[in-house]
């Protein structure tokens, strides 16, 4: 597995081989020893799967869990553009946005350290995102930022009208979360 640093502090792109034949394909998308070799420590406490249709925008979600919540994300089927936003106050890349294209038949995954906001947009007819969390979901400390926030200016790749939940569409702006002291600190 090849691990490449992304432009956001602590975020990585993981690339692994894809073995394909007439039956389909096989790939490894996570190997703990590779993480440990990079100096990271990741322990999965929850696994999630999201199936969405084209032009669905989910996010931008983050956690204020005291133990933090890192994520390891990959696309199991279809294609998505995965969005990372550094919302950690004090981070050298605070406010930075990075978009990584993921596809089910490609050997790419993304590691997001605790404190990043996460979202994605499905660019194929359907897309399946699977991800591991380093802490369990706790509704009391899970927050969102409006995915169409002008300050962040995420270049979402939808064509036509996006499909977005009412909760995400009504989410506070990045500035509102910052002004309310509702952003994680950079560790």
C-alpha atoms as a PDB file:
ATOM      1  CA  UNK A   1       0.000   0.000   0.000  1.00  0.00           C
ATOM      2  CA  UNK A   2       1.273   3.451  -0.914  1.00  0.00           C
ATOM      3  CA  UNK A   3       0.422   6.276   1.513  1.00  0.00           C
ATOM      4  CA  UNK A   4       0.638   9.856   0.241  1.00  0.00           C
ATOM      5  CA  UNK A   5       0.150  13.015   2.319  1.00  0.00           C
ATOM      6  CA  UNK A   6      -2.630  15.277   1.103  1.00  0.00           C
ATOM      7  CA  UNK A   7      -2.553  19.080   1.299  1.00  0.00           C
ATOM      8  CA  UNK A   8      -4.482  19.082   4.608  1.00  0.00           C
ATOM      9  CA  UNK A   9      -2.341  18.409   7.683  1.00  0.00           C
ATOM     10  CA  UNK A  10      -2.645  14.777   8.783  1.00  0.00           C
ATOM     11  CA  UNK A  11      -4.831  13.628   5.860  1.00  0.00           C
ATOM     12  CA  UNK A  12      -3.590  10.859   3.593  1.00  0.00           C
ATOM     13  CA  UNK A  13      -4.458   9.199   0.322  1.00  0.00           C
ATOM     14  CA  UNK A  14      -4.014   5.421   0.416  1.00  0.00           C
ATOM     15  CA  UNK A  15      -3.370   3.680  -2.882  1.00  0.00           C
ATOM     16  CA  UNK A  16      -3.387  -0.072  -3.273  1.00  0.00           C
ATOM     17  CA  UNK A  17      -3.338  -2.447  -6.223  1.00  0.00           C
ATOM     18  CA  UNK A  18      -6.569  -3.660  -7.820  1.00  0.00           C
ATOM     19  CA  UNK A  19      -6.578  -7.225  -9.093  1.00  0.00           C
ATOM     20  CA  UNK A  20      -9.203  -7.611 -11.814  1.00  0.00           C
ATOM     21  CA  UNK A  21     -10.275 -10.515 -13.999  1.00  0.00           C
ATOM     22  CA  UNK A  22     -13.441 -11.780 -15.690  1.00  0.00           C
ATOM     23  CA  UNK A  23     -15.123 -12.220 -12.282  1.00  0.00           C
ATOM     24  CA  UNK A  24     -14.643  -8.629 -11.179  1.00  0.00           C
ATOM     25  CA  UNK A  25     -11.910  -7.249  -8.951  1.00  0.00           C
ATOM     26  CA  UNK A  26     -10.329  -7.510  -5.534  1.00  0.00           C
ATOM     27  CA  UNK A  27      -8.497  -4.871  -3.510  1.00  0.00           C
ATOM     28  CA  UNK A  28      -7.296  -4.256   0.015  1.00  0.00           C
ATOM     29  CA  UNK A  29      -8.349  -0.853   1.277  1.00  0.00           C
ATOM     30  CA  UNK A  30      -6.948  -0.876   4.808  1.00  0.00           C
ATOM     31  CA  UNK A  31      -3.937  -2.468   6.476  1.00  0.00           C
ATOM     32  CA  UNK A  32      -3.189  -1.413  10.060  1.00  0.00           C
ATOM     33  CA  UNK A  33       0.571  -2.161   9.814  1.00  0.00           C
ATOM     34  CA  UNK A  34       0.857   0.385   6.977  1.00  0.00           C
ATOM     35  CA  UNK A  35      -0.719   3.037   9.211  1.00  0.00           C
ATOM     36  CA  UNK A  36       1.526   2.168  12.130  1.00  0.00           C
ATOM     37  CA  UNK A  37       4.572   2.473   9.855  1.00  0.00           C
ATOM     38  CA  UNK A  38       3.478   6.059   9.065  1.00  0.00           C
ATOM     39  CA  UNK A  39       3.235   6.894  12.760  1.00  0.00           C
ATOM     40  CA  UNK A  40      -0.568   6.921  12.847  1.00  0.00           C
ATOM     41  CA  UNK A  41      -2.699   4.960  15.228  1.00  0.00           C
ATOM     42  CA  UNK A  42      -6.153   3.997  14.043  1.00  0.00           C
ATOM     43  CA  UNK A  43      -8.604   1.719  15.755  1.00  0.00           C
ATOM     44  CA  UNK A  44     -12.003   1.126  14.130  1.00  0.00           C
ATOM     45  CA  UNK A  45     -14.953   1.370  16.524  1.00  0.00           C
ATOM     46  CA  UNK A  46     -17.741   1.645  13.939  1.00  0.00           C
ATOM     47  CA  UNK A  47     -18.200   0.837  10.250  1.00  0.00           C
ATOM     48  CA  UNK A  48     -20.741   2.637   8.032  1.00  0.00           C
ATOM     49  CA  UNK A  49     -22.061   2.224   4.501  1.00  0.00           C
ATOM     50  CA  UNK A  50     -23.889   4.891   2.512  1.00  0.00           C
ATOM     51  CA  UNK A  51     -25.689   4.185  -0.780  1.00  0.00           C
ATOM     52  CA  UNK A  52     -26.680   7.294  -2.727  1.00  0.00           C
ATOM     53  CA  UNK A  53     -27.895   8.317  -6.172  1.00  0.00           C
ATOM     54  CA  UNK A  54     -26.189  10.651  -8.636  1.00  0.00           C
ATOM     55  CA  UNK A  55     -25.878  14.306  -7.557  1.00  0.00           C
ATOM     56  CA  UNK A  56     -26.375  13.463  -3.880  1.00  0.00           C
ATOM     57  CA  UNK A  57     -24.325  15.760  -1.659  1.00  0.00           C
ATOM     58  CA  UNK A  58     -23.781  14.545   1.903  1.00  0.00           C
ATOM     59  CA  UNK A  59     -21.964  16.633   4.473  1.00  0.00           C
ATOM     60  CA  UNK A  60     -20.137  18.538   5.667  1.00  0.00           C
ATOM     61  CA  UNK A  61     -20.095  16.546   8.932  1.00  0.00           C
ATOM     62  CA  UNK A  62     -17.636  16.484  11.821  1.00  0.00           C
ATOM     63  CA  UNK A  63     -17.461  15.326  15.421  1.00  0.00           C
ATOM     64  CA  UNK A  64     -16.520  17.044  18.665  1.00  0.00           C
ATOM     65  CA  UNK A  65     -16.191  13.696  20.463  1.00  0.00           C
ATOM     66  CA  UNK A  66     -13.684  14.102  23.319  1.00  0.00           C
ATOM     67  CA  UNK A  67     -11.734  11.077  22.057  1.00  0.00           C
ATOM     68  CA  UNK A  68     -11.794  12.464  18.501  1.00  0.00           C
ATOM     69  CA  UNK A  69     -13.176  10.756  15.430  1.00  0.00           C
ATOM     70  CA  UNK A  70     -10.832   9.871  12.594  1.00  0.00           C
ATOM     71  CA  UNK A  71     -12.284   8.308   9.437  1.00  0.00           C
ATOM     72  CA  UNK A  72     -11.022   5.919   6.809  1.00  0.00           C
ATOM     73  CA  UNK A  73     -13.146   6.252   3.665  1.00  0.00           C
ATOM     74  CA  UNK A  74     -13.392   4.385   0.375  1.00  0.00           C
ATOM     75  CA  UNK A  75     -15.864   3.979  -2.452  1.00  0.00           C
ATOM     76  CA  UNK A  76     -17.112   0.391  -2.780  1.00  0.00           C
ATOM     77  CA  UNK A  77     -19.185   0.916  -5.951  1.00  0.00           C
ATOM     78  CA  UNK A  78     -19.700   3.741  -8.424  1.00  0.00           C
ATOM     79  CA  UNK A  79     -17.815   7.022  -8.222  1.00  0.00           C
ATOM     80  CA  UNK A  80     -17.755   9.871  -5.739  1.00  0.00           C
ATOM     81  CA  UNK A  81     -15.813  13.030  -5.075  1.00  0.00           C
ATOM     82  CA  UNK A  82     -14.818  12.921  -1.423  1.00  0.00           C
ATOM     83  CA  UNK A  83     -14.478  16.286   0.313  1.00  0.00           C
ATOM     84  CA  UNK A  84     -12.225  17.050   3.280  1.00  0.00           C
ATOM     85  CA  UNK A  85     -12.317  20.404   5.074  1.00  0.00           C
ATOM     86  CA  UNK A  86      -9.907  21.358   7.826  1.00  0.00           C
ATOM     87  CA  UNK A  87     -12.077  22.945  10.543  1.00  0.00           C
ATOM     88  CA  UNK A  88      -9.498  22.486  13.340  1.00  0.00           C
ATOM     89  CA  UNK A  89      -8.815  25.828  15.009  1.00  0.00           C
ATOM     90  CA  UNK A  90      -5.051  26.340  15.111  1.00  0.00           C
ATOM     91  CA  UNK A  91      -4.292  23.952  12.259  1.00  0.00           C
ATOM     92  CA  UNK A  92      -1.713  25.147   9.726  1.00  0.00           C
ATOM     93  CA  UNK A  93      -4.244  24.234   7.016  1.00  0.00           C
ATOM     94  CA  UNK A  94      -7.339  25.659   8.785  1.00  0.00           C
ATOM     95  CA  UNK A  95     -10.123  26.315   6.273  1.00  0.00           C
ATOM     96  CA  UNK A  96      -8.449  24.291   3.498  1.00  0.00           C
ATOM     97  CA  UNK A  97     -10.621  22.150   1.230  1.00  0.00           C
ATOM     98  CA  UNK A  98      -9.420  19.060  -0.620  1.00  0.00           C
ATOM     99  CA  UNK A  99     -11.409  16.921  -3.044  1.00  0.00           C
ATOM    100  CA  UNK A 100     -10.325  13.365  -3.833  1.00  0.00           C
ATOM    101  CA  UNK A 101     -11.994  11.314  -6.567  1.00  0.00           C
ATOM    102  CA  UNK A 102     -12.788   7.766  -5.432  1.00  0.00           C
ATOM    103  CA  UNK A 103     -14.190   4.883  -7.481  1.00  0.00           C
ATOM    104  CA  UNK A 104     -15.186   1.371  -6.515  1.00  0.00           C
ATOM    105  CA  UNK A 105     -12.862  -0.192  -9.060  1.00  0.00           C
ATOM    106  CA  UNK A 106      -9.858   1.958  -8.140  1.00  0.00           C
ATOM    107  CA  UNK A 107      -7.477   1.313  -5.280  1.00  0.00           C
ATOM    108  CA  UNK A 108      -7.908   4.641  -3.484  1.00  0.00           C
ATOM    109  CA  UNK A 109      -8.986   5.407   0.069  1.00  0.00           C
ATOM    110  CA  UNK A 110      -8.750   8.521   2.217  1.00  0.00           C
ATOM    111  CA  UNK A 111      -7.723   8.880   5.853  1.00  0.00           C
ATOM    112  CA  UNK A 112      -9.164  11.894   7.682  1.00  0.00           C
ATOM    113  CA  UNK A 113      -7.680  12.690  11.088  1.00  0.00           C
ATOM    114  CA  UNK A 114      -9.989  13.716  13.916  1.00  0.00           C
ATOM    115  CA  UNK A 115     -11.375  17.218  13.513  1.00  0.00           C
ATOM    116  CA  UNK A 116     -11.867  17.351   9.755  1.00  0.00           C
ATOM    117  CA  UNK A 117     -15.287  17.926   8.239  1.00  0.00           C
ATOM    118  CA  UNK A 118     -16.249  15.345   5.646  1.00  0.00           C
ATOM    119  CA  UNK A 119     -18.673  15.210   2.751  1.00  0.00           C
ATOM    120  CA  UNK A 120     -19.059  13.677  -0.661  1.00  0.00           C
ATOM    121  CA  UNK A 121     -20.942  13.938  -3.945  1.00  0.00           C
ATOM    122  CA  UNK A 122     -21.959  10.960  -6.075  1.00  0.00           C
ATOM    123  CA  UNK A 123     -20.857  11.432  -9.688  1.00  0.00           C
ATOM    124  CA  UNK A 124     -22.046   8.085 -11.129  1.00  0.00           C
ATOM    125  CA  UNK A 125     -25.645   6.775 -11.314  1.00  0.00           C
ATOM    126  CA  UNK A 126     -25.236   5.393  -7.800  1.00  0.00           C
ATOM    127  CA  UNK A 127     -22.373   5.303  -5.351  1.00  0.00           C
ATOM    128  CA  UNK A 128     -21.550   3.287  -2.262  1.00  0.00           C
ATOM    129  CA  UNK A 129     -19.267   4.823   0.327  1.00  0.00           C
ATOM    130  CA  UNK A 130     -17.911   2.698   3.174  1.00  0.00           C
ATOM    131  CA  UNK A 131     -15.993   4.100   6.079  1.00  0.00           C
ATOM    132  CA  UNK A 132     -14.482   3.183   9.394  1.00  0.00           C
ATOM    133  CA  UNK A 133     -14.718   5.495  12.405  1.00  0.00           C
ATOM    134  CA  UNK A 134     -12.279   5.641  15.302  1.00  0.00           C
ATOM    135  CA  UNK A 135     -15.147   6.374  17.722  1.00  0.00           C
ATOM    136  CA  UNK A 136     -18.829   5.508  17.708  1.00  0.00           C
ATOM    137  CA  UNK A 137     -21.421   7.977  16.472  1.00  0.00           C
ATOM    138  CA  UNK A 138     -22.716  10.201  19.269  1.00  0.00           C
ATOM    139  CA  UNK A 139     -25.521  12.534  18.122  1.00  0.00           C
ATOM    140  CA  UNK A 140     -24.762  14.932  21.000  1.00  0.00           C
ATOM    141  CA  UNK A 141     -21.356  15.873  19.543  1.00  0.00           C
ATOM    142  CA  UNK A 142     -21.917  15.446  15.799  1.00  0.00           C
ATOM    143  CA  UNK A 143     -22.178  18.726  13.889  1.00  0.00           C
ATOM    144  CA  UNK A 144     -22.505  19.894  10.319  1.00  0.00           C
ATOM    145  CA  UNK A 145     -21.572  22.888   8.205  1.00  0.00           C
ATOM    146  CA  UNK A 146     -23.641  23.923   5.212  1.00  0.00           C
ATOM    147  CA  UNK A 147     -22.089  22.165   2.207  1.00  0.00           C
ATOM    148  CA  UNK A 148     -22.707  25.241   0.045  1.00  0.00           C
ATOM    149  CA  UNK A 149     -20.998  27.684   2.414  1.00  0.00           C
ATOM    150  CA  UNK A 150     -19.630  30.649   0.446  1.00  0.00           C
ATOM    151  CA  UNK A 151     -16.455  30.969   2.523  1.00  0.00           C
ATOM    152  CA  UNK A 152     -15.450  27.334   1.923  1.00  0.00           C
ATOM    153  CA  UNK A 153     -16.580  27.429  -1.732  1.00  0.00           C
ATOM    154  CA  UNK A 154     -16.441  23.657  -2.242  1.00  0.00           C
ATOM    155  CA  UNK A 155     -16.402  22.855  -5.974  1.00  0.00           C
ATOM    156  CA  UNK A 156     -19.107  20.173  -5.794  1.00  0.00           C
ATOM    157  CA  UNK A 157     -19.263  18.219  -9.069  1.00  0.00           C
ATOM    158  CA  UNK A 158     -23.039  17.764  -9.348  1.00  0.00           C
ATOM    159  CA  UNK A 159     -24.775  18.426 -12.669  1.00  0.00           C
ATOM    160  CA  UNK A 160     -28.150  20.167 -12.403  1.00  0.00           C
ATOM    161  CA  UNK A 161     -29.698  20.314  -8.953  1.00  0.00           C
ATOM    162  CA  UNK A 162     -27.989  18.638  -5.998  1.00  0.00           C
ATOM    163  CA  UNK A 163     -29.881  16.220  -3.793  1.00  0.00           C
ATOM    164  CA  UNK A 164     -29.220  17.217  -0.198  1.00  0.00           C
ATOM    165  CA  UNK A 165     -30.942  16.498   3.118  1.00  0.00           C
ATOM    166  CA  UNK A 166     -32.962  19.241   4.778  1.00  0.00           C
ATOM    167  CA  UNK A 167     -30.606  19.052   7.776  1.00  0.00           C
ATOM    168  CA  UNK A 168     -27.494  19.631   5.665  1.00  0.00           C
ATOM    169  CA  UNK A 169     -29.161  22.404   3.615  1.00  0.00           C
ATOM    170  CA  UNK A 170     -30.136  24.231   6.821  1.00  0.00           C
ATOM    171  CA  UNK A 171     -26.779  23.711   8.549  1.00  0.00           C
ATOM    172  CA  UNK A 172     -24.931  26.747   9.923  1.00  0.00           C
ATOM    173  CA  UNK A 173     -22.125  28.333   7.940  1.00  0.00           C
ATOM    174  CA  UNK A 174     -18.437  27.831   8.665  1.00  0.00           C
ATOM    175  CA  UNK A 175     -18.304  31.361  10.160  1.00  0.00           C
ATOM    176  CA  UNK A 176     -21.319  30.681  12.387  1.00  0.00           C
ATOM    177  CA  UNK A 177     -19.713  27.508  13.767  1.00  0.00           C
ATOM    178  CA  UNK A 178     -16.409  29.351  14.275  1.00  0.00           C
ATOM    179  CA  UNK A 179     -18.079  32.321  15.998  1.00  0.00           C
ATOM    180  CA  UNK A 180     -20.079  29.989  18.277  1.00  0.00           C
ATOM    181  CA  UNK A 181     -16.913  28.144  19.341  1.00  0.00           C
ATOM    182  CA  UNK A 182     -18.216  24.922  17.770  1.00  0.00           C
ATOM    183  CA  UNK A 183     -15.092  23.835  15.920  1.00  0.00           C
ATOM    184  CA  UNK A 184     -12.519  21.290  17.127  1.00  0.00           C
ATOM    185  CA  UNK A 185      -9.011  22.331  18.138  1.00  0.00           C
ATOM    186  CA  UNK A 186      -5.909  21.203  16.294  1.00  0.00           C
ATOM    187  CA  UNK A 187      -4.046  18.647  18.401  1.00  0.00           C
END
